[in-house]
Amino acid sequence: MSDAQAGLLVATPIIIVFAIALHRMGVLQRYSAVSAVLFSVAIAAVLFVQQ
């Protein structure tokens, strides 16, 4: 596993946790939080496979 792949495995869960936390605080609507999670997972998956 390369350093870039390890970084993706670390950064993606952090983005997900922040999106959920912002939703619970009322900063993000449910749609926005779900979009952030789905797009971050999709981007991480594509980049992980390409590395």
PDB file of N, CA and C in Angstrom:
ATOM      1  N   MET A   1       0.843  -1.169   0.000  1.00  0.00           N
ATOM      2  CA  MET A   1       0.000   0.000   0.000  1.00  0.00           C
ATOM      3  C   MET A   1       0.890   1.235   0.000  1.00  0.00           C
ATOM      4  N   SER A   2       0.581   2.147  -0.885  1.00  0.00           N
ATOM      5  CA  SER A   2       1.391   3.362  -0.985  1.00  0.00           C
ATOM      6  C   SER A   2       0.971   4.383   0.077  1.00  0.00           C
ATOM      7  N   ASP A   3       1.779   5.421   0.201  1.00  0.00           N
ATOM      8  CA  ASP A   3       1.463   6.483   1.160  1.00  0.00           C
ATOM      9  C   ASP A   3       0.166   7.195   0.784  1.00  0.00           C
ATOM     10  N   ALA A   4      -0.080   7.352  -0.505  1.00  0.00           N
ATOM     11  CA  ALA A   4      -1.301   8.018  -0.954  1.00  0.00           C
ATOM     12  C   ALA A   4      -2.536   7.201  -0.570  1.00  0.00           C
ATOM     13  N   GLN A   5      -2.463   5.891  -0.715  1.00  0.00           N
ATOM     14  CA  GLN A   5      -3.588   5.044  -0.346  1.00  0.00           C
ATOM     15  C   GLN A   5      -3.819   5.068   1.159  1.00  0.00           C
ATOM     16  N   ALA A   6      -2.748   5.060   1.932  1.00  0.00           N
ATOM     17  CA  ALA A   6      -2.887   5.148   3.391  1.00  0.00           C
ATOM     18  C   ALA A   6      -3.514   6.476   3.784  1.00  0.00           C
ATOM     19  N   GLY A   7      -3.132   7.551   3.114  1.00  0.00           N
ATOM     20  CA  GLY A   7      -3.722   8.856   3.378  1.00  0.00           C
ATOM     21  C   GLY A   7      -5.210   8.881   3.073  1.00  0.00           C
ATOM     22  N   LEU A   8      -5.604   8.228   1.990  1.00  0.00           N
ATOM     23  CA  LEU A   8      -7.026   8.143   1.661  1.00  0.00           C
ATOM     24  C   LEU A   8      -7.797   7.369   2.718  1.00  0.00           C
ATOM     25  N   LEU A   9      -7.192   6.299   3.235  1.00  0.00           N
ATOM     26  CA  LEU A   9      -7.855   5.506   4.264  1.00  0.00           C
ATOM     27  C   LEU A   9      -7.992   6.261   5.578  1.00  0.00           C
ATOM     28  N   VAL A  10      -7.137   7.236   5.794  1.00  0.00           N
ATOM     29  CA  VAL A  10      -7.215   8.049   7.006  1.00  0.00           C
ATOM     30  C   VAL A  10      -8.143   9.244   6.801  1.00  0.00           C
ATOM     31  N   ALA A  11      -8.045   9.892   5.663  1.00  0.00           N
ATOM     32  CA  ALA A  11      -8.796  11.128   5.427  1.00  0.00           C
ATOM     33  C   ALA A  11     -10.290  10.895   5.224  1.00  0.00           C
ATOM     34  N   THR A  12     -10.660   9.835   4.557  1.00  0.00           N
ATOM     35  CA  THR A  12     -12.066   9.598   4.256  1.00  0.00           C
ATOM     36  C   THR A  12     -12.918   9.423   5.512  1.00  0.00           C
ATOM     37  N   PRO A  13     -12.507   8.602   6.478  1.00  0.00           N
ATOM     38  CA  PRO A  13     -13.320   8.507   7.707  1.00  0.00           C
ATOM     39  C   PRO A  13     -13.402   9.831   8.474  1.00  0.00           C
ATOM     40  N   ILE A  14     -12.348  10.632   8.409  1.00  0.00           N
ATOM     41  CA  ILE A  14     -12.383  11.935   9.084  1.00  0.00           C
ATOM     42  C   ILE A  14     -13.434  12.832   8.434  1.00  0.00           C
ATOM     43  N   ILE A  15     -13.490  12.833   7.117  1.00  0.00           N
ATOM     44  CA  ILE A  15     -14.505  13.619   6.408  1.00  0.00           C
ATOM     45  C   ILE A  15     -15.901  13.144   6.785  1.00  0.00           C
ATOM     46  N   ILE A  16     -16.082  11.834   6.865  1.00  0.00           N
ATOM     47  CA  ILE A  16     -17.386  11.273   7.219  1.00  0.00           C
ATOM     48  C   ILE A  16     -17.787  11.681   8.628  1.00  0.00           C
ATOM     49  N   VAL A  17     -16.853  11.599   9.569  1.00  0.00           N
ATOM     50  CA  VAL A  17     -17.145  11.980  10.953  1.00  0.00           C
ATOM     51  C   VAL A  17     -17.510  13.455  11.045  1.00  0.00           C
ATOM     52  N   PHE A  18     -16.783  14.317  10.343  1.00  0.00           N
ATOM     53  CA  PHE A  18     -17.098  15.744  10.358  1.00  0.00           C
ATOM     54  C   PHE A  18     -18.470  16.015   9.749  1.00  0.00           C
ATOM     55  N   ALA A  19     -18.820  15.334   8.671  1.00  0.00           N
ATOM     56  CA  ALA A  19     -20.126  15.538   8.049  1.00  0.00           C
ATOM     57  C   ALA A  19     -21.244  15.136   9.010  1.00  0.00           C
ATOM     58  N   ILE A  20     -21.070  14.012   9.699  1.00  0.00           N
ATOM     59  CA  ILE A  20     -22.078  13.565  10.664  1.00  0.00           C
ATOM     60  C   ILE A  20     -22.157  14.534  11.843  1.00  0.00           C
ATOM     61  N   ALA A  21     -21.006  14.988  12.321  1.00  0.00           N
ATOM     62  CA  ALA A  21     -20.997  15.935  13.442  1.00  0.00           C
ATOM     63  C   ALA A  21     -21.669  17.249  13.066  1.00  0.00           C
ATOM     64  N   LEU A  22     -21.395  17.755  11.872  1.00  0.00           N
ATOM     65  CA  LEU A  22     -22.018  18.993  11.431  1.00  0.00           C
ATOM     66  C   LEU A  22     -23.522  18.830  11.259  1.00  0.00           C
ATOM     67  N   HIS A  23     -23.948  17.660  10.820  1.00  0.00           N
ATOM     68  CA  HIS A  23     -25.379  17.397  10.693  1.00  0.00           C
ATOM     69  C   HIS A  23     -26.040  17.388  12.074  1.00  0.00           C
ATOM     70  N   ARG A  24     -25.414  16.745  13.036  1.00  0.00           N
ATOM     71  CA  ARG A  24     -25.983  16.682  14.387  1.00  0.00           C
ATOM     72  C   ARG A  24     -26.018  18.041  15.063  1.00  0.00           C
ATOM     73  N   MET A  25     -25.079  18.917  14.725  1.00  0.00           N
ATOM     74  CA  MET A  25     -25.080  20.267  15.293  1.00  0.00           C
ATOM     75  C   MET A  25     -26.088  21.173  14.585  1.00  0.00           C
ATOM     76  N   GLY A  26     -26.645  20.708  13.478  1.00  0.00           N
ATOM     77  CA  GLY A  26     -27.630  21.493  12.755  1.00  0.00           C
ATOM     78  C   GLY A  26     -27.043  22.396  11.690  1.00  0.00           C
ATOM     79  N   VAL A  27     -25.770  22.235  11.423  1.00  0.00           N
ATOM     80  CA  VAL A  27     -25.115  23.082  10.415  1.00  0.00           C
ATOM     81  C   VAL A  27     -25.422  22.584   9.008  1.00  0.00           C
ATOM     82  N   LEU A  28     -25.449  21.273   8.829  1.00  0.00           N
ATOM     83  CA  LEU A  28     -25.749  20.682   7.527  1.00  0.00           C
ATOM     84  C   LEU A  28     -27.109  20.007   7.553  1.00  0.00           C
ATOM     85  N   GLN A  29     -27.812  20.118   6.445  1.00  0.00           N
ATOM     86  CA  GLN A  29     -29.049  19.363   6.304  1.00  0.00           C
ATOM     87  C   GLN A  29     -28.697  17.909   6.000  1.00  0.00           C
ATOM     88  N   ARG A  30     -29.671  17.042   6.147  1.00  0.00           N
ATOM     89  CA  ARG A  30     -29.424  15.613   5.932  1.00  0.00           C
ATOM     90  C   ARG A  30     -28.922  15.351   4.513  1.00  0.00           C
ATOM     91  N   TYR A  31     -29.525  15.989   3.530  1.00  0.00           N
ATOM     92  CA  TYR A  31     -29.114  15.792   2.143  1.00  0.00           C
ATOM     93  C   TYR A  31     -27.647  16.177   1.942  1.00  0.00           C
ATOM     94  N   SER A  32     -27.241  17.280   2.524  1.00  0.00           N
ATOM     95  CA  SER A  32     -25.862  17.744   2.382  1.00  0.00           C
ATOM     96  C   SER A  32     -24.883  16.792   3.053  1.00  0.00           C
ATOM     97  N   ALA A  33     -25.242  16.297   4.215  1.00  0.00           N
ATOM     98  CA  ALA A  33     -24.368  15.370   4.925  1.00  0.00           C
ATOM     99  C   ALA A  33     -24.233  14.051   4.156  1.00  0.00           C
ATOM    100  N   VAL A  34     -25.345  13.557   3.656  1.00  0.00           N
ATOM    101  CA  VAL A  34     -25.309  12.313   2.871  1.00  0.00           C
ATOM    102  C   VAL A  34     -24.504  12.512   1.596  1.00  0.00           C
ATOM    103  N   SER A  35     -24.666  13.656   0.955  1.00  0.00           N
ATOM    104  CA  SER A  35     -23.903  13.942  -0.256  1.00  0.00           C
ATOM    105  C   SER A  35     -22.413  13.994   0.033  1.00  0.00           C
ATOM    106  N   ALA A  36     -22.035  14.643   1.117  1.00  0.00           N
ATOM    107  CA  ALA A  36     -20.620  14.734   1.482  1.00  0.00           C
ATOM    108  C   ALA A  36     -20.036  13.354   1.727  1.00  0.00           C
ATOM    109  N   VAL A  37     -20.773  12.513   2.418  1.00  0.00           N
ATOM    110  CA  VAL A  37     -20.292  11.157   2.708  1.00  0.00           C
ATOM    111  C   VAL A  37     -20.172  10.349   1.418  1.00  0.00           C
ATOM    112  N   LEU A  38     -21.211  10.366   0.598  1.00  0.00           N
ATOM    113  CA  LEU A  38     -21.189   9.565  -0.631  1.00  0.00           C
ATOM    114  C   LEU A  38     -20.099  10.014  -1.593  1.00  0.00           C
ATOM    115  N   PHE A  39     -19.958  11.320  -1.765  1.00  0.00           N
ATOM    116  CA  PHE A  39     -18.943  11.818  -2.696  1.00  0.00           C
ATOM    117  C   PHE A  39     -17.533  11.562  -2.174  1.00  0.00           C
ATOM    118  N   SER A  40     -17.316  11.686  -0.883  1.00  0.00           N
ATOM    119  CA  SER A  40     -15.976  11.430  -0.347  1.00  0.00           C
ATOM    120  C   SER A  40     -15.608   9.950  -0.484  1.00  0.00           C
ATOM    121  N   VAL A  41     -16.576   9.074  -0.266  1.00  0.00           N
ATOM    122  CA  VAL A  41     -16.311   7.637  -0.437  1.00  0.00           C
ATOM    123  C   VAL A  41     -16.061   7.317  -1.909  1.00  0.00           C
ATOM    124  N   ALA A  42     -16.848   7.898  -2.798  1.00  0.00           N
ATOM    125  CA  ALA A  42     -16.670   7.639  -4.230  1.00  0.00           C
ATOM    126  C   ALA A  42     -15.320   8.147  -4.718  1.00  0.00           C
ATOM    127  N   ILE A  43     -14.952   9.344  -4.326  1.00  0.00           N
ATOM    128  CA  ILE A  43     -13.663   9.908  -4.744  1.00  0.00           C
ATOM    129  C   ILE A  43     -12.513   9.087  -4.181  1.00  0.00           C
ATOM    130  N   ALA A  44     -12.619   8.708  -2.914  1.00  0.00           N
ATOM    131  CA  ALA A  44     -11.563   7.904  -2.302  1.00  0.00           C
ATOM    132  C   ALA A  44     -11.435   6.549  -2.998  1.00  0.00           C
ATOM    133  N   ALA A  45     -12.553   5.948  -3.356  1.00  0.00           N
ATOM    134  CA  ALA A  45     -12.511   4.651  -4.030  1.00  0.00           C
ATOM    135  C   ALA A  45     -11.830   4.752  -5.392  1.00  0.00           C
ATOM    136  N   VAL A  46     -12.187   5.785  -6.136  1.00  0.00           N
ATOM    137  CA  VAL A  46     -11.578   5.960  -7.469  1.00  0.00           C
ATOM    138  C   VAL A  46     -10.082   6.215  -7.329  1.00  0.00           C
ATOM    139  N   LEU A  47      -9.710   7.105  -6.437  1.00  0.00           N
ATOM    140  CA  LEU A  47      -8.285   7.411  -6.262  1.00  0.00           C
ATOM    141  C   LEU A  47      -7.509   6.223  -5.706  1.00  0.00           C
ATOM    142  N   PHE A  48      -8.144   5.453  -4.814  1.00  0.00           N
ATOM    143  CA  PHE A  48      -7.481   4.282  -4.239  1.00  0.00           C
ATOM    144  C   PHE A  48      -7.169   3.255  -5.314  1.00  0.00           C
ATOM    145  N   VAL A  49      -8.106   3.041  -6.215  1.00  0.00           N
ATOM    146  CA  VAL A  49      -7.932   2.044  -7.276  1.00  0.00           C
ATOM    147  C   VAL A  49      -6.888   2.522  -8.289  1.00  0.00           C
ATOM    148  N   GLN A  50      -6.848   3.816  -8.559  1.00  0.00           N
ATOM    149  CA  GLN A  50      -5.902   4.346  -9.547  1.00  0.00           C
ATOM    150  C   GLN A  50      -4.475   4.390  -9.044  1.00  0.00           C
ATOM    151  N   GLN A  51      -4.252   4.411  -7.759  1.00  0.00           N
ATOM    152  CA  GLN A  51      -2.899   4.516  -7.225  1.00  0.00           C
ATOM    153  C   GLN A  51      -2.138   3.224  -7.416  1.00  0.00           C
TER     154      GLN A  51
END
